[in-house]
Amino acid sequence: MQHTPLLEADRALAHESQAFWSIFLLAFVLLFVVVLLAKLVGIHWRELLPGAEDAKSMAQGVKAAVYTFMSHII
């Protein structure tokens, strides 16, 4: 049988993509809960999250913080 490295590389990318989105979702949910709790307490949450200083909404701020966090771990 012929060796097909392209197919093996494609499978590896799919697995890495699944891992990326799993980490992204976990971090997003965790940081979103932190932001909600900070809003309830009355803390300025944009100062807590790196990359969220110029965000217009909570979701944008959390997304920016997650991407900043992920750029440090990947």
Protein backbone atom coordinates (compact mmCIF):
# COMPACT_ATOMS: atom_id res chain seq x y z
CA MET A 1 0.00 0.00 0.00
CA GLN A 2 1.24 3.46 -0.85
CA HIS A 3 2.35 5.80 1.95
CA THR A 4 0.26 8.99 1.96
CA PRO A 5 1.81 11.67 4.20
CA LEU A 6 -0.74 14.27 3.11
CA LEU A 7 -3.60 12.31 4.62
CA GLU A 8 -1.69 11.78 7.87
CA ALA A 9 -0.92 15.51 8.08
CA ASP A 10 -4.58 16.32 7.49
CA ARG A 11 -5.61 14.07 10.38
CA ALA A 12 -3.07 15.71 12.67
CA LEU A 13 -4.43 19.17 11.80
CA ALA A 14 -7.97 18.09 12.62
CA HIS A 15 -6.83 16.79 16.01
CA GLU A 16 -4.89 20.00 16.74
CA SER A 17 -7.89 22.07 15.71
CA GLN A 18 -10.12 20.14 18.11
CA ALA A 19 -7.60 20.68 20.92
CA PHE A 20 -7.38 24.39 20.08
CA TRP A 21 -11.14 24.86 20.24
CA SER A 22 -11.41 22.81 23.43
CA ILE A 23 -8.86 25.05 25.15
CA PHE A 24 -10.51 28.16 23.69
CA LEU A 25 -13.96 27.18 24.92
CA LEU A 26 -12.76 26.23 28.39
CA ALA A 27 -10.81 29.48 28.77
CA PHE A 28 -13.72 31.54 27.37
CA VAL A 29 -16.23 30.07 29.82
CA LEU A 30 -13.86 30.48 32.76
CA LEU A 31 -13.00 34.10 31.94
CA PHE A 32 -16.65 34.92 31.18
CA VAL A 33 -17.61 33.73 34.66
CA VAL A 34 -14.81 35.85 36.15
CA VAL A 35 -16.09 38.89 34.24
CA LEU A 36 -19.68 38.28 35.35
CA LEU A 37 -18.61 38.00 38.98
CA ALA A 38 -16.49 41.15 38.66
CA LYS A 39 -19.45 43.04 37.19
CA LEU A 40 -21.69 41.91 40.04
CA VAL A 41 -19.16 43.02 42.63
CA GLY A 42 -18.49 46.28 40.81
CA ILE A 43 -14.86 45.76 39.85
CA HIS A 44 -13.57 47.22 36.57
CA TRP A 45 -13.15 43.93 34.72
CA ARG A 46 -11.33 45.37 31.69
CA GLU A 47 -8.31 46.06 33.87
CA LEU A 48 -8.22 42.42 35.00
CA LEU A 49 -8.02 40.87 31.54
CA PRO A 50 -5.01 41.40 29.28
CA GLY A 51 -6.04 42.51 25.80
CA ALA A 52 -9.54 43.59 26.84
CA GLU A 53 -8.77 47.23 27.56
CA ASP A 54 -10.32 48.58 24.33
CA ALA A 55 -13.21 46.11 24.07
CA LYS A 56 -16.69 47.48 23.42
CA SER A 57 -18.57 44.57 24.97
CA MET A 58 -18.07 41.82 27.52
CA ALA A 59 -17.91 39.09 24.88
CA GLN A 60 -15.31 41.01 22.85
CA GLY A 61 -13.22 41.60 25.96
CA VAL A 62 -13.31 37.97 27.00
CA LYS A 63 -12.50 36.84 23.45
CA ALA A 64 -9.51 39.20 23.29
CA ALA A 65 -8.29 37.98 26.69
CA VAL A 66 -8.62 34.33 25.64
CA TYR A 67 -6.61 34.92 22.46
CA THR A 68 -3.97 36.76 24.49
CA PHE A 69 -3.87 33.89 27.00
CA MET A 70 -3.66 31.27 24.25
CA SER A 71 -0.82 33.07 22.49
CA HIS A 72 1.23 32.61 25.63
CA ILE A 73 0.54 28.88 26.03
CA ILE A 74 0.79 27.78 22.39
